[in-house]
Amino acid sequence: MKQYNSLKEINHDLKRLSLERQIAWEEMKGLKEDFKESIQPHNLFAPILSWAKQYGILYLIRLLFTKKK
């Protein structure tokens, strides 16, 4: 435990801790907004659509270039 020699040191540490708490709170609010945005439907389906387009195009190309007997 830290030993304080004056009231000024105590107040300085209290102010620093208060600022650290406020910074942490603002970071948490930012993370909350990032999370809310990341679970939006358009953000969930974009990778799936990208994958489907990529493999759909490859499938169509394969159909065009394979010889039908």
PDB file of N, CA and C in Angstrom:
ATOM      1  N   MET A   1       0.841  -1.160   0.000  1.00  0.00           N
ATOM      2  CA  MET A   1       0.000   0.000   0.000  1.00  0.00           C
ATOM      3  C   MET A   1       0.895   1.235   0.000  1.00  0.00           C
ATOM      4  N   LYS A   2       0.479   2.238  -0.737  1.00  0.00           N
ATOM      5  CA  LYS A   2       1.279   3.451  -0.864  1.00  0.00           C
ATOM      6  C   LYS A   2       1.124   4.331   0.382  1.00  0.00           C
ATOM      7  N   GLN A   3       2.238   4.886   0.802  1.00  0.00           N
ATOM      8  CA  GLN A   3       2.239   5.822   1.930  1.00  0.00           C
ATOM      9  C   GLN A   3       2.211   7.249   1.382  1.00  0.00           C
ATOM     10  N   TYR A   4       1.281   8.025   1.866  1.00  0.00           N
ATOM     11  CA  TYR A   4       1.163   9.420   1.439  1.00  0.00           C
ATOM     12  C   TYR A   4       1.761  10.326   2.502  1.00  0.00           C
ATOM     13  N   ASN A   5       2.453  11.373   2.022  1.00  0.00           N
ATOM     14  CA  ASN A   5       3.072  12.324   2.938  1.00  0.00           C
ATOM     15  C   ASN A   5       2.300  13.626   3.055  1.00  0.00           C
ATOM     16  N   SER A   6       1.381  13.847   2.111  1.00  0.00           N
ATOM     17  CA  SER A   6       0.625  15.100   2.176  1.00  0.00           C
ATOM     18  C   SER A   6      -0.743  14.916   1.520  1.00  0.00           C
ATOM     19  N   LEU A   7      -1.598  15.853   1.840  1.00  0.00           N
ATOM     20  CA  LEU A   7      -2.928  15.860   1.250  1.00  0.00           C
ATOM     21  C   LEU A   7      -2.844  16.117  -0.255  1.00  0.00           C
ATOM     22  N   LYS A   8      -1.835  16.859  -0.665  1.00  0.00           N
ATOM     23  CA  LYS A   8      -1.641  17.159  -2.087  1.00  0.00           C
ATOM     24  C   LYS A   8      -1.393  15.870  -2.881  1.00  0.00           C
ATOM     25  N   GLU A   9      -0.605  14.953  -2.340  1.00  0.00           N
ATOM     26  CA  GLU A   9      -0.343  13.672  -3.007  1.00  0.00           C
ATOM     27  C   GLU A   9      -1.621  12.843  -3.123  1.00  0.00           C
ATOM     28  N   ILE A  10      -2.417  12.863  -2.073  1.00  0.00           N
ATOM     29  CA  ILE A  10      -3.681  12.117  -2.083  1.00  0.00           C
ATOM     30  C   ILE A  10      -4.601  12.673  -3.158  1.00  0.00           C
ATOM     31  N   ASN A  11      -4.750  13.990  -3.181  1.00  0.00           N
ATOM     32  CA  ASN A  11      -5.615  14.621  -4.178  1.00  0.00           C
ATOM     33  C   ASN A  11      -5.112  14.368  -5.599  1.00  0.00           C
ATOM     34  N   HIS A  12      -3.797  14.383  -5.771  1.00  0.00           N
ATOM     35  CA  HIS A  12      -3.215  14.131  -7.091  1.00  0.00           C
ATOM     36  C   HIS A  12      -3.562  12.714  -7.567  1.00  0.00           C
ATOM     37  N   ASP A  13      -3.403  11.726  -6.693  1.00  0.00           N
ATOM     38  CA  ASP A  13      -3.728  10.348  -7.059  1.00  0.00           C
ATOM     39  C   ASP A  13      -5.225  10.171  -7.298  1.00  0.00           C
ATOM     40  N   LEU A  14      -6.052  10.818  -6.485  1.00  0.00           N
ATOM     41  CA  LEU A  14      -7.496  10.728  -6.688  1.00  0.00           C
ATOM     42  C   LEU A  14      -7.898  11.310  -8.040  1.00  0.00           C
ATOM     43  N   LYS A  15      -7.302  12.422  -8.400  1.00  0.00           N
ATOM     44  CA  LYS A  15      -7.586  13.049  -9.692  1.00  0.00           C
ATOM     45  C   LYS A  15      -7.142  12.133 -10.836  1.00  0.00           C
ATOM     46  N   ARG A  16      -5.952  11.543 -10.712  1.00  0.00           N
ATOM     47  CA  ARG A  16      -5.431  10.645 -11.745  1.00  0.00           C
ATOM     48  C   ARG A  16      -6.336   9.424 -11.899  1.00  0.00           C
ATOM     49  N   LEU A  17      -6.740   8.842 -10.783  1.00  0.00           N
ATOM     50  CA  LEU A  17      -7.614   7.671 -10.833  1.00  0.00           C
ATOM     51  C   LEU A  17      -8.981   8.013 -11.421  1.00  0.00           C
ATOM     52  N   SER A  18      -9.481   9.188 -11.100  1.00  0.00           N
ATOM     53  CA  SER A  18     -10.750   9.624 -11.664  1.00  0.00           C
ATOM     54  C   SER A  18     -10.651   9.767 -13.181  1.00  0.00           C
ATOM     55  N   LEU A  19      -9.553  10.353 -13.648  1.00  0.00           N
ATOM     56  CA  LEU A  19      -9.355  10.499 -15.092  1.00  0.00           C
ATOM     57  C   LEU A  19      -9.199   9.138 -15.774  1.00  0.00           C
ATOM     58  N   GLU A  20      -8.489   8.219 -15.139  1.00  0.00           N
ATOM     59  CA  GLU A  20      -8.336   6.874 -15.701  1.00  0.00           C
ATOM     60  C   GLU A  20      -9.690   6.176 -15.804  1.00  0.00           C
ATOM     61  N   ARG A  21     -10.532   6.366 -14.792  1.00  0.00           N
ATOM     62  CA  ARG A  21     -11.864   5.765 -14.804  1.00  0.00           C
ATOM     63  C   ARG A  21     -12.710   6.351 -15.924  1.00  0.00           C
ATOM     64  N   GLN A  22     -12.636   7.668 -16.114  1.00  0.00           N
ATOM     65  CA  GLN A  22     -13.391   8.314 -17.188  1.00  0.00           C
ATOM     66  C   GLN A  22     -12.924   7.832 -18.562  1.00  0.00           C
ATOM     67  N   ILE A  23     -11.625   7.685 -18.734  1.00  0.00           N
ATOM     68  CA  ILE A  23     -11.084   7.188 -20.000  1.00  0.00           C
ATOM     69  C   ILE A  23     -11.570   5.767 -20.258  1.00  0.00           C
ATOM     70  N   ALA A  24     -11.520   4.926 -19.241  1.00  0.00           N
ATOM     71  CA  ALA A  24     -11.978   3.541 -19.386  1.00  0.00           C
ATOM     72  C   ALA A  24     -13.462   3.499 -19.736  1.00  0.00           C
ATOM     73  N   TRP A  25     -14.252   4.375 -19.129  1.00  0.00           N
ATOM     74  CA  TRP A  25     -15.688   4.423 -19.402  1.00  0.00           C
ATOM     75  C   TRP A  25     -15.941   4.815 -20.856  1.00  0.00           C
ATOM     76  N   GLU A  26     -15.213   5.815 -21.357  1.00  0.00           N
ATOM     77  CA  GLU A  26     -15.375   6.239 -22.749  1.00  0.00           C
ATOM     78  C   GLU A  26     -14.952   5.128 -23.710  1.00  0.00           C
ATOM     79  N   GLU A  27     -13.902   4.396 -23.372  1.00  0.00           N
ATOM     80  CA  GLU A  27     -13.482   3.273 -24.209  1.00  0.00           C
ATOM     81  C   GLU A  27     -14.558   2.197 -24.239  1.00  0.00           C
ATOM     82  N   MET A  28     -15.199   1.943 -23.102  1.00  0.00           N
ATOM     83  CA  MET A  28     -16.276   0.955 -23.050  1.00  0.00           C
ATOM     84  C   MET A  28     -17.454   1.393 -23.911  1.00  0.00           C
ATOM     85  N   LYS A  29     -17.788   2.674 -23.886  1.00  0.00           N
ATOM     86  CA  LYS A  29     -18.880   3.164 -24.725  1.00  0.00           C
ATOM     87  C   LYS A  29     -18.538   2.987 -26.196  1.00  0.00           C
ATOM     88  N   GLY A  30     -17.282   3.238 -26.557  1.00  0.00           N
ATOM     89  CA  GLY A  30     -16.849   3.048 -27.941  1.00  0.00           C
ATOM     90  C   GLY A  30     -16.932   1.592 -28.363  1.00  0.00           C
ATOM     91  N   LEU A  31     -16.533   0.688 -27.472  1.00  0.00           N
ATOM     92  CA  LEU A  31     -16.622  -0.742 -27.771  1.00  0.00           C
ATOM     93  C   LEU A  31     -18.071  -1.182 -27.938  1.00  0.00           C
ATOM     94  N   LYS A  32     -18.955  -0.596 -27.137  1.00  0.00           N
ATOM     95  CA  LYS A  32     -20.371  -0.931 -27.238  1.00  0.00           C
ATOM     96  C   LYS A  32     -20.900  -0.542 -28.611  1.00  0.00           C
ATOM     97  N   GLU A  33     -20.551   0.642 -29.088  1.00  0.00           N
ATOM     98  CA  GLU A  33     -21.004   1.093 -30.401  1.00  0.00           C
ATOM     99  C   GLU A  33     -20.407   0.231 -31.510  1.00  0.00           C
ATOM    100  N   ASP A  34     -19.133  -0.128 -31.376  1.00  0.00           N
ATOM    101  CA  ASP A  34     -18.496  -0.997 -32.371  1.00  0.00           C
ATOM    102  C   ASP A  34     -19.194  -2.352 -32.428  1.00  0.00           C
ATOM    103  N   PHE A  35     -19.531  -2.886 -31.263  1.00  0.00           N
ATOM    104  CA  PHE A  35     -20.208  -4.178 -31.204  1.00  0.00           C
ATOM    105  C   PHE A  35     -21.592  -4.093 -31.829  1.00  0.00           C
ATOM    106  N   LYS A  36     -22.333  -3.030 -31.501  1.00  0.00           N
ATOM    107  CA  LYS A  36     -23.667  -2.871 -32.064  1.00  0.00           C
ATOM    108  C   LYS A  36     -23.602  -2.798 -33.585  1.00  0.00           C
ATOM    109  N   GLU A  37     -22.599  -2.104 -34.107  1.00  0.00           N
ATOM    110  CA  GLU A  37     -22.460  -1.982 -35.555  1.00  0.00           C
ATOM    111  C   GLU A  37     -22.062  -3.313 -36.181  1.00  0.00           C
ATOM    112  N   SER A  38     -21.222  -4.068 -35.492  1.00  0.00           N
ATOM    113  CA  SER A  38     -20.729  -5.321 -36.066  1.00  0.00           C
ATOM    114  C   SER A  38     -21.808  -6.393 -36.151  1.00  0.00           C
ATOM    115  N   ILE A  39     -22.868  -6.292 -35.354  1.00  0.00           N
ATOM    116  CA  ILE A  39     -23.911  -7.314 -35.413  1.00  0.00           C
ATOM    117  C   ILE A  39     -25.102  -6.883 -36.257  1.00  0.00           C
ATOM    118  N   GLN A  40     -24.974  -5.798 -36.991  1.00  0.00           N
ATOM    119  CA  GLN A  40     -26.033  -5.390 -37.905  1.00  0.00           C
ATOM    120  C   GLN A  40     -26.154  -6.447 -39.000  1.00  0.00           C
ATOM    121  N   PRO A  41     -27.361  -6.690 -39.509  1.00  0.00           N
ATOM    122  CA  PRO A  41     -27.545  -7.740 -40.521  1.00  0.00           C
ATOM    123  C   PRO A  41     -26.655  -7.575 -41.752  1.00  0.00           C
ATOM    124  N   HIS A  42     -26.486  -6.356 -42.235  1.00  0.00           N
ATOM    125  CA  HIS A  42     -25.670  -6.181 -43.436  1.00  0.00           C
ATOM    126  C   HIS A  42     -24.218  -6.548 -43.171  1.00  0.00           C
ATOM    127  N   ASN A  43     -23.753  -6.403 -41.950  1.00  0.00           N
ATOM    128  CA  ASN A  43     -22.381  -6.795 -41.620  1.00  0.00           C
ATOM    129  C   ASN A  43     -22.250  -8.302 -41.430  1.00  0.00           C
ATOM    130  N   LEU A  44     -23.333  -8.958 -41.078  1.00  0.00           N
ATOM    131  CA  LEU A  44     -23.282 -10.402 -40.901  1.00  0.00           C
ATOM    132  C   LEU A  44     -23.341 -11.136 -42.235  1.00  0.00           C
ATOM    133  N   PHE A  45     -24.114 -10.601 -43.191  1.00  0.00           N
ATOM    134  CA  PHE A  45     -24.314 -11.299 -44.452  1.00  0.00           C
ATOM    135  C   PHE A  45     -23.307 -10.926 -45.526  1.00  0.00           C
ATOM    136  N   ALA A  46     -22.565  -9.867 -45.360  1.00  0.00           N
ATOM    137  CA  ALA A  46     -21.596  -9.451 -46.380  1.00  0.00           C
ATOM    138  C   ALA A  46     -20.550 -10.528 -46.661  1.00  0.00           C
ATOM    139  N   PRO A  47     -19.935 -11.151 -45.659  1.00  0.00           N
ATOM    140  CA  PRO A  47     -18.960 -12.211 -45.971  1.00  0.00           C
ATOM    141  C   PRO A  47     -19.600 -13.413 -46.674  1.00  0.00           C
ATOM    142  N   ILE A  48     -20.826 -13.727 -46.304  1.00  0.00           N
ATOM    143  CA  ILE A  48     -21.516 -14.855 -46.930  1.00  0.00           C
ATOM    144  C   ILE A  48     -21.788 -14.549 -48.397  1.00  0.00           C
ATOM    145  N   LEU A  49     -22.256 -13.345 -48.681  1.00  0.00           N
ATOM    146  CA  LEU A  49     -22.519 -12.961 -50.064  1.00  0.00           C
ATOM    147  C   LEU A  49     -21.238 -12.928 -50.875  1.00  0.00           C
ATOM    148  N   SER A  50     -20.175 -12.452 -50.298  1.00  0.00           N
ATOM    149  CA  SER A  50     -18.886 -12.421 -50.985  1.00  0.00           C
ATOM    150  C   SER A  50     -18.440 -13.832 -51.337  1.00  0.00           C
ATOM    151  N   TRP A  51     -18.559 -14.734 -50.413  1.00  0.00           N
ATOM    152  CA  TRP A  51     -18.188 -16.127 -50.650  1.00  0.00           C
ATOM    153  C   TRP A  51     -19.070 -16.730 -51.740  1.00  0.00           C
ATOM    154  N   ALA A  52     -20.375 -16.474 -51.672  1.00  0.00           N
ATOM    155  CA  ALA A  52     -21.303 -17.028 -52.660  1.00  0.00           C
ATOM    156  C   ALA A  52     -20.999 -16.481 -54.053  1.00  0.00           C
ATOM    157  N   LYS A  53     -20.690 -15.202 -54.161  1.00  0.00           N
ATOM    158  CA  LYS A  53     -20.343 -14.633 -55.466  1.00  0.00           C
ATOM    159  C   LYS A  53     -19.080 -15.272 -56.009  1.00  0.00           C
ATOM    160  N   GLN A  54     -18.083 -15.408 -55.184  1.00  0.00           N
ATOM    161  CA  GLN A  54     -16.800 -15.961 -55.625  1.00  0.00           C
ATOM    162  C   GLN A  54     -16.977 -17.385 -56.151  1.00  0.00           C
ATOM    163  N   TYR A  55     -17.618 -18.226 -55.379  1.00  0.00           N
ATOM    164  CA  TYR A  55     -17.770 -19.614 -55.789  1.00  0.00           C
ATOM    165  C   TYR A  55     -18.842 -19.776 -56.856  1.00  0.00           C
ATOM    166  N   GLY A  56     -19.811 -18.892 -56.893  1.00  0.00           N
ATOM    167  CA  GLY A  56     -20.808 -18.925 -57.959  1.00  0.00           C
ATOM    168  C   GLY A  56     -20.183 -18.616 -59.307  1.00  0.00           C
ATOM    169  N   ILE A  57     -19.313 -17.627 -59.351  1.00  0.00           N
ATOM    170  CA  ILE A  57     -18.623 -17.275 -60.592  1.00  0.00           C
ATOM    171  C   ILE A  57     -17.713 -18.417 -61.025  1.00  0.00           C
ATOM    172  N   LEU A  58     -16.986 -19.005 -60.094  1.00  0.00           N
ATOM    173  CA  LEU A  58     -16.131 -20.147 -60.429  1.00  0.00           C
ATOM    174  C   LEU A  58     -16.961 -21.313 -60.963  1.00  0.00           C
ATOM    175  N   TYR A  59     -18.104 -21.541 -60.392  1.00  0.00           N
ATOM    176  CA  TYR A  59     -18.980 -22.616 -60.845  1.00  0.00           C
ATOM    177  C   TYR A  59     -19.473 -22.345 -62.257  1.00  0.00           C
ATOM    178  N   LEU A  60     -19.879 -21.109 -62.546  1.00  0.00           N
ATOM    179  CA  LEU A  60     -20.342 -20.761 -63.889  1.00  0.00           C
ATOM    180  C   LEU A  60     -19.227 -20.903 -64.913  1.00  0.00           C
ATOM    181  N   ILE A  61     -18.026 -20.485 -64.569  1.00  0.00           N
ATOM    182  CA  ILE A  61     -16.889 -20.623 -65.482  1.00  0.00           C
ATOM    183  C   ILE A  61     -16.620 -22.101 -65.754  1.00  0.00           C
ATOM    184  N   ARG A  62     -16.666 -22.900 -64.738  1.00  0.00           N
ATOM    185  CA  ARG A  62     -16.446 -24.337 -64.905  1.00  0.00           C
ATOM    186  C   ARG A  62     -17.519 -24.937 -65.812  1.00  0.00           C
ATOM    187  N   LEU A  63     -18.771 -24.503 -65.658  1.00  0.00           N
ATOM    188  CA  LEU A  63     -19.841 -25.003 -66.518  1.00  0.00           C
ATOM    189  C   LEU A  63     -19.610 -24.602 -67.969  1.00  0.00           C
ATOM    190  N   LEU A  64     -19.131 -23.391 -68.194  1.00  0.00           N
ATOM    191  CA  LEU A  64     -18.906 -22.915 -69.558  1.00  0.00           C
ATOM    192  C   LEU A  64     -17.767 -23.652 -70.244  1.00  0.00           C
ATOM    193  N   PHE A  65     -16.738 -24.007 -69.516  1.00  0.00           N
ATOM    194  CA  PHE A  65     -15.550 -24.597 -70.126  1.00  0.00           C
ATOM    195  C   PHE A  65     -15.513 -26.125 -70.103  1.00  0.00           C
ATOM    196  N   THR A  66     -16.430 -26.736 -69.416  1.00  0.00           N
ATOM    197  CA  THR A  66     -16.458 -28.200 -69.449  1.00  0.00           C
ATOM    198  C   THR A  66     -17.271 -28.632 -70.655  1.00  0.00           C
ATOM    199  N   LYS A  67     -16.800 -29.656 -71.305  1.00  0.00           N
ATOM    200  CA  LYS A  67     -17.473 -30.146 -72.511  1.00  0.00           C
ATOM    201  C   LYS A  67     -18.632 -31.036 -72.100  1.00  0.00           C
ATOM    202  N   LYS A  68     -19.733 -30.803 -72.742  1.00  0.00           N
ATOM    203  CA  LYS A  68     -20.892 -31.657 -72.493  1.00  0.00           C
ATOM    204  C   LYS A  68     -20.845 -32.805 -73.489  1.00  0.00           C
ATOM    205  N   LYS A  69     -21.109 -33.987 -73.024  1.00  0.00           N
ATOM    206  CA  LYS A  69     -21.069 -35.166 -73.896  1.00  0.00           C
ATOM    207  C   LYS A  69     -22.447 -35.567 -74.324  1.00  0.00           C
TER     208      LYS A  69
END
